[in-house]
Amino acid sequence: MAKKTNMKSVRLSDQVMDYVINFEGEGFNQKFENLVLFCMEQEESKKQRIALLDQQIARQYKKLYALQQLSSKIGDVRRALTHLEWRTNDLSGLLDELLEDKDADPKLPFS
């Protein structure tokens, strides 16, 4: 362990004091130092984990965007097909009318 040459006095809230006291170590100074060292050791791995999670989130957003684009295109096709169905039904109705008129007038060119 490094030589301890820094003498400092700190003021702590009861909440922080309780946290330090409950950390591993023999006395307040050792507990406080162990806590700081623990945080220092964890900081880099947490930063790496956060970076990894940020990358995963970015990939998921790209997938979500692609799915939204696909869903939009599917919606466009669905609307076009529905419109085509309506036009087909209109055309069918017109053909039915023409065929009815053909029966009434044999001169019409539908046979």
N, C-alpha and C. Protein backbone atom coordinates (compact mmCIF):
# COMPACT_ATOMS: atom_id res chain seq x y z
N MET A 1 0.84 -1.17 0.00
CA MET A 1 0.00 0.00 0.00
C MET A 1 0.89 1.24 0.00
N ALA A 2 0.43 2.30 -0.60
CA ALA A 2 1.22 3.53 -0.73
C ALA A 2 1.37 4.21 0.62
N LYS A 3 2.47 4.96 0.73
CA LYS A 3 2.73 5.72 1.95
C LYS A 3 1.66 6.80 2.09
N LYS A 4 1.15 6.95 3.28
CA LYS A 4 0.06 7.89 3.54
C LYS A 4 0.64 9.19 4.10
N THR A 5 0.80 10.17 3.21
CA THR A 5 1.40 11.44 3.61
C THR A 5 0.38 12.57 3.68
N ASN A 6 -0.83 12.31 3.24
CA ASN A 6 -1.86 13.36 3.21
C ASN A 6 -2.74 13.28 4.44
N MET A 7 -2.73 14.35 5.19
CA MET A 7 -3.59 14.44 6.37
C MET A 7 -4.68 15.46 6.06
N LYS A 8 -5.92 14.99 6.07
CA LYS A 8 -7.05 15.86 5.75
C LYS A 8 -8.14 15.67 6.78
N SER A 9 -8.93 16.68 6.92
CA SER A 9 -10.10 16.62 7.79
C SER A 9 -11.31 16.79 6.89
N VAL A 10 -12.32 15.95 7.07
CA VAL A 10 -13.53 16.05 6.23
C VAL A 10 -14.77 16.13 7.12
N ARG A 11 -15.78 16.75 6.58
CA ARG A 11 -17.07 16.78 7.26
C ARG A 11 -18.03 15.91 6.45
N LEU A 12 -18.74 15.03 7.12
CA LEU A 12 -19.62 14.07 6.45
C LEU A 12 -21.03 14.13 7.03
N SER A 13 -21.99 13.89 6.16
CA SER A 13 -23.36 13.77 6.65
C SER A 13 -23.49 12.43 7.36
N ASP A 14 -24.54 12.28 8.15
CA ASP A 14 -24.77 11.01 8.86
C ASP A 14 -24.90 9.85 7.86
N GLN A 15 -25.56 10.12 6.74
CA GLN A 15 -25.78 9.09 5.72
C GLN A 15 -24.44 8.60 5.15
N VAL A 16 -23.55 9.52 4.81
CA VAL A 16 -22.24 9.14 4.27
C VAL A 16 -21.41 8.46 5.34
N MET A 17 -21.45 8.97 6.56
CA MET A 17 -20.70 8.38 7.67
C MET A 17 -21.13 6.92 7.88
N ASP A 18 -22.44 6.67 7.87
CA ASP A 18 -22.95 5.30 8.05
C ASP A 18 -22.46 4.39 6.92
N TYR A 19 -22.44 4.93 5.71
CA TYR A 19 -22.00 4.13 4.56
C TYR A 19 -20.52 3.76 4.71
N VAL A 20 -19.70 4.73 5.07
CA VAL A 20 -18.26 4.48 5.23
C VAL A 20 -18.03 3.49 6.37
N ILE A 21 -18.70 3.69 7.47
CA ILE A 21 -18.53 2.81 8.64
C ILE A 21 -18.89 1.37 8.32
N ASN A 22 -19.86 1.17 7.44
CA ASN A 22 -20.31 -0.18 7.09
C ASN A 22 -19.44 -0.82 6.01
N PHE A 23 -18.45 -0.10 5.48
CA PHE A 23 -17.58 -0.67 4.46
C PHE A 23 -16.50 -1.49 5.15
N GLU A 24 -15.86 -2.39 4.40
CA GLU A 24 -14.84 -3.26 5.01
C GLU A 24 -13.58 -2.47 5.38
N GLY A 25 -13.02 -2.83 6.49
CA GLY A 25 -11.80 -2.19 6.99
C GLY A 25 -11.82 -2.16 8.50
N GLU A 26 -10.67 -1.80 9.07
CA GLU A 26 -10.55 -1.84 10.52
C GLU A 26 -10.93 -0.55 11.20
N GLY A 27 -10.56 0.55 10.66
CA GLY A 27 -10.90 1.84 11.27
C GLY A 27 -11.48 2.75 10.20
N PHE A 28 -11.89 3.94 10.63
CA PHE A 28 -12.51 4.86 9.69
C PHE A 28 -11.60 5.17 8.50
N ASN A 29 -10.33 5.48 8.78
CA ASN A 29 -9.40 5.81 7.70
C ASN A 29 -9.27 4.67 6.70
N GLN A 30 -9.12 3.44 7.18
CA GLN A 30 -8.97 2.29 6.29
C GLN A 30 -10.27 2.04 5.52
N LYS A 31 -11.39 2.15 6.19
CA LYS A 31 -12.70 1.96 5.53
C LYS A 31 -12.89 3.00 4.42
N PHE A 32 -12.55 4.25 4.74
CA PHE A 32 -12.71 5.32 3.76
C PHE A 32 -11.80 5.07 2.56
N GLU A 33 -10.56 4.72 2.81
CA GLU A 33 -9.62 4.45 1.72
C GLU A 33 -10.06 3.24 0.91
N ASN A 34 -10.51 2.18 1.57
CA ASN A 34 -11.01 0.99 0.86
C ASN A 34 -12.21 1.34 -0.03
N LEU A 35 -13.07 2.18 0.48
CA LEU A 35 -14.25 2.60 -0.29
C LEU A 35 -13.83 3.37 -1.54
N VAL A 36 -12.91 4.31 -1.37
CA VAL A 36 -12.45 5.10 -2.52
C VAL A 36 -11.73 4.20 -3.53
N LEU A 37 -10.87 3.32 -3.06
CA LEU A 37 -10.16 2.41 -3.96
C LEU A 37 -11.15 1.49 -4.70
N PHE A 38 -12.14 1.01 -3.98
CA PHE A 38 -13.17 0.17 -4.61
C PHE A 38 -13.87 0.94 -5.73
N CYS A 39 -14.24 2.18 -5.45
CA CYS A 39 -14.91 3.00 -6.46
C CYS A 39 -14.00 3.25 -7.66
N MET A 40 -12.72 3.48 -7.40
CA MET A 40 -11.77 3.70 -8.48
C MET A 40 -11.64 2.45 -9.36
N GLU A 41 -11.59 1.29 -8.72
CA GLU A 41 -11.48 0.04 -9.47
C GLU A 41 -12.73 -0.22 -10.30
N GLN A 42 -13.88 0.08 -9.75
CA GLN A 42 -15.15 -0.18 -10.43
C GLN A 42 -15.43 0.82 -11.54
N GLU A 43 -14.89 2.01 -11.43
CA GLU A 43 -15.20 3.08 -12.38
C GLU A 43 -14.90 2.67 -13.83
N GLU A 44 -13.73 2.12 -14.09
CA GLU A 44 -13.36 1.78 -15.47
C GLU A 44 -14.26 0.67 -16.02
N SER A 45 -14.51 -0.36 -15.22
CA SER A 45 -15.37 -1.44 -15.72
C SER A 45 -16.79 -0.94 -15.95
N LYS A 46 -17.25 -0.03 -15.11
CA LYS A 46 -18.60 0.53 -15.30
C LYS A 46 -18.65 1.39 -16.56
N LYS A 47 -17.59 2.15 -16.82
CA LYS A 47 -17.53 2.95 -18.04
C LYS A 47 -17.54 2.06 -19.27
N GLN A 48 -16.78 0.96 -19.22
CA GLN A 48 -16.76 0.01 -20.33
C GLN A 48 -18.14 -0.62 -20.53
N ARG A 49 -18.79 -0.98 -19.43
CA ARG A 49 -20.13 -1.59 -19.51
C ARG A 49 -21.14 -0.59 -20.09
N ILE A 50 -21.03 0.65 -19.66
CA ILE A 50 -21.93 1.68 -20.18
C ILE A 50 -21.71 1.88 -21.67
N ALA A 51 -20.44 1.89 -22.10
CA ALA A 51 -20.13 2.04 -23.53
C ALA A 51 -20.72 0.87 -24.32
N LEU A 52 -20.59 -0.34 -23.80
CA LEU A 52 -21.15 -1.52 -24.45
C LEU A 52 -22.68 -1.42 -24.54
N LEU A 53 -23.30 -1.01 -23.44
CA LEU A 53 -24.75 -0.86 -23.44
C LEU A 53 -25.20 0.25 -24.39
N ASP A 54 -24.43 1.33 -24.46
CA ASP A 54 -24.75 2.41 -25.41
C ASP A 54 -24.70 1.89 -26.84
N GLN A 55 -23.71 1.05 -27.15
CA GLN A 55 -23.61 0.46 -28.50
C GLN A 55 -24.82 -0.43 -28.78
N GLN A 56 -25.20 -1.24 -27.79
CA GLN A 56 -26.36 -2.11 -27.97
C GLN A 56 -27.63 -1.29 -28.17
N ILE A 57 -27.77 -0.22 -27.42
CA ILE A 57 -28.93 0.65 -27.56
C ILE A 57 -28.95 1.26 -28.95
N ALA A 58 -27.80 1.72 -29.44
CA ALA A 58 -27.73 2.31 -30.77
C ALA A 58 -28.14 1.29 -31.84
N ARG A 59 -27.66 0.04 -31.69
CA ARG A 59 -28.05 -1.01 -32.65
C ARG A 59 -29.55 -1.28 -32.59
N GLN A 60 -30.10 -1.29 -31.38
CA GLN A 60 -31.54 -1.54 -31.24
C GLN A 60 -32.36 -0.40 -31.84
N TYR A 61 -31.88 0.84 -31.69
CA TYR A 61 -32.58 1.97 -32.31
C TYR A 61 -32.55 1.86 -33.83
N LYS A 62 -31.41 1.40 -34.38
CA LYS A 62 -31.33 1.21 -35.83
C LYS A 62 -32.33 0.14 -36.28
N LYS A 63 -32.40 -0.96 -35.54
CA LYS A 63 -33.37 -2.01 -35.86
C LYS A 63 -34.79 -1.49 -35.76
N LEU A 64 -35.06 -0.73 -34.71
CA LEU A 64 -36.40 -0.17 -34.53
C LEU A 64 -36.75 0.75 -35.68
N TYR A 65 -35.79 1.60 -36.09
CA TYR A 65 -36.04 2.52 -37.20
C TYR A 65 -36.33 1.73 -38.48
N ALA A 66 -35.54 0.68 -38.74
CA ALA A 66 -35.76 -0.15 -39.93
C ALA A 66 -37.14 -0.81 -39.88
N LEU A 67 -37.53 -1.29 -38.71
CA LEU A 67 -38.86 -1.90 -38.57
C LEU A 67 -39.97 -0.87 -38.76
N GLN A 68 -39.76 0.34 -38.27
CA GLN A 68 -40.76 1.40 -38.46
C GLN A 68 -40.88 1.74 -39.94
N GLN A 69 -39.74 1.79 -40.65
CA GLN A 69 -39.78 2.07 -42.08
C GLN A 69 -40.51 0.96 -42.82
N LEU A 70 -40.22 -0.29 -42.47
CA LEU A 70 -40.88 -1.43 -43.09
C LEU A 70 -42.38 -1.41 -42.79
N SER A 71 -42.73 -1.12 -41.56
CA SER A 71 -44.14 -1.04 -41.17
C SER A 71 -44.85 0.04 -41.97
N SER A 72 -44.19 1.16 -42.17
CA SER A 72 -44.77 2.25 -42.95
C SER A 72 -45.01 1.82 -44.40
N LYS A 73 -44.02 1.12 -44.97
CA LYS A 73 -44.17 0.64 -46.35
C LYS A 73 -45.28 -0.39 -46.45
N ILE A 74 -45.37 -1.26 -45.46
CA ILE A 74 -46.45 -2.26 -45.45
C ILE A 74 -47.80 -1.56 -45.37
N GLY A 75 -47.88 -0.52 -44.54
CA GLY A 75 -49.11 0.25 -44.45
C GLY A 75 -49.47 0.90 -45.78
N ASP A 76 -48.45 1.43 -46.48
CA ASP A 76 -48.69 2.02 -47.80
C ASP A 76 -49.23 0.98 -48.78
N VAL A 77 -48.62 -0.20 -48.79
CA VAL A 77 -49.07 -1.28 -49.69
C VAL A 77 -50.48 -1.71 -49.32
N ARG A 78 -50.75 -1.83 -48.04
CA ARG A 78 -52.08 -2.22 -47.58
C ARG A 78 -53.14 -1.22 -48.04
N ARG A 79 -52.82 0.07 -47.90
CA ARG A 79 -53.77 1.11 -48.36
C ARG A 79 -53.96 1.04 -49.87
N ALA A 80 -52.86 0.81 -50.60
CA ALA A 80 -52.96 0.71 -52.06
C ALA A 80 -53.80 -0.49 -52.46
N LEU A 81 -53.61 -1.62 -51.78
CA LEU A 81 -54.41 -2.82 -52.08
C LEU A 81 -55.88 -2.59 -51.75
N THR A 82 -56.13 -1.92 -50.65
CA THR A 82 -57.53 -1.63 -50.28
C THR A 82 -58.16 -0.72 -51.34
N HIS A 83 -57.41 0.28 -51.78
CA HIS A 83 -57.91 1.17 -52.83
C HIS A 83 -58.15 0.39 -54.12
N LEU A 84 -57.23 -0.51 -54.45
CA LEU A 84 -57.38 -1.34 -55.65
C LEU A 84 -58.61 -2.24 -55.53
N GLU A 85 -58.83 -2.77 -54.33
CA GLU A 85 -60.02 -3.60 -54.12
C GLU A 85 -61.29 -2.79 -54.36
N TRP A 86 -61.32 -1.56 -53.85
CA TRP A 86 -62.50 -0.70 -54.06
C TRP A 86 -62.70 -0.44 -55.55
N ARG A 87 -61.60 -0.14 -56.28
CA ARG A 87 -61.70 0.14 -57.71
C ARG A 87 -62.16 -1.10 -58.46
N THR A 88 -61.67 -2.28 -58.04
CA THR A 88 -62.07 -3.54 -58.66
C THR A 88 -63.56 -3.79 -58.44
N ASN A 89 -64.00 -3.51 -57.22
CA ASN A 89 -65.44 -3.67 -56.93
C ASN A 89 -66.27 -2.71 -57.77
N ASP A 90 -65.79 -1.47 -57.92
CA ASP A 90 -66.49 -0.49 -58.78
C ASP A 90 -66.55 -0.99 -60.21
N LEU A 91 -65.42 -1.50 -60.71
CA LEU A 91 -65.37 -2.01 -62.08
C LEU A 91 -66.28 -3.20 -62.25
N SER A 92 -66.30 -4.08 -61.28
CA SER A 92 -67.18 -5.25 -61.32
C SER A 92 -68.64 -4.81 -61.38
N GLY A 93 -68.95 -3.81 -60.58
CA GLY A 93 -70.33 -3.30 -60.59
C GLY A 93 -70.69 -2.70 -61.94
N LEU A 94 -69.78 -1.97 -62.54
CA LEU A 94 -70.03 -1.39 -63.87
C LEU A 94 -70.20 -2.47 -64.93
N LEU A 95 -69.34 -3.51 -64.84
CA LEU A 95 -69.48 -4.62 -65.80
C LEU A 95 -70.82 -5.32 -65.63
N ASP A 96 -71.24 -5.50 -64.39
CA ASP A 96 -72.55 -6.11 -64.15
C ASP A 96 -73.66 -5.28 -64.78
N GLU A 97 -73.55 -3.95 -64.63
CA GLU A 97 -74.56 -3.07 -65.24
C GLU A 97 -74.54 -3.19 -66.75
N LEU A 98 -73.33 -3.23 -67.34
CA LEU A 98 -73.23 -3.37 -68.80
C LEU A 98 -73.83 -4.68 -69.28
N LEU A 99 -73.57 -5.75 -68.52
CA LEU A 99 -74.11 -7.04 -68.91
C LEU A 99 -75.63 -7.06 -68.77
N GLU A 100 -76.15 -6.38 -67.77
CA GLU A 100 -77.61 -6.28 -67.62
C GLU A 100 -78.20 -5.51 -68.80
N ASP A 101 -77.49 -4.41 -69.17
CA ASP A 101 -77.95 -3.61 -70.31
C ASP A 101 -77.86 -4.42 -71.60
N LYS A 102 -76.88 -5.30 -71.73
CA LYS A 102 -76.72 -6.15 -72.92
C LYS A 102 -77.92 -7.05 -73.09
N ASP A 103 -78.41 -7.59 -71.96
CA ASP A 103 -79.59 -8.45 -72.04
C ASP A 103 -80.80 -7.65 -72.50
N ALA A 104 -80.82 -6.41 -72.09
CA ALA A 104 -81.96 -5.56 -72.49
C ALA A 104 -81.81 -5.09 -73.94
N ASP A 105 -80.58 -4.92 -74.44
CA ASP A 105 -80.34 -4.44 -75.82
C ASP A 105 -79.34 -5.37 -76.50
N PRO A 106 -79.78 -6.29 -77.31
CA PRO A 106 -78.88 -7.25 -77.94
C PRO A 106 -77.88 -6.64 -78.91
N LYS A 107 -78.01 -5.36 -79.24
CA LYS A 107 -77.08 -4.74 -80.16
C LYS A 107 -75.77 -4.36 -79.49
N LEU A 108 -75.71 -4.39 -78.15
CA LEU A 108 -74.46 -4.05 -77.45
C LEU A 108 -73.41 -5.15 -77.75
N PRO A 109 -72.14 -4.76 -77.87
CA PRO A 109 -71.09 -5.71 -78.31
C PRO A 109 -70.58 -6.67 -77.25
N PHE A 110 -71.40 -7.10 -76.35
CA PHE A 110 -70.97 -8.09 -75.34
C PHE A 110 -71.74 -9.36 -75.56
N SER A 111 -71.05 -10.44 -75.83
CA SER A 111 -71.77 -11.70 -76.00
C SER A 111 -71.02 -12.82 -75.36
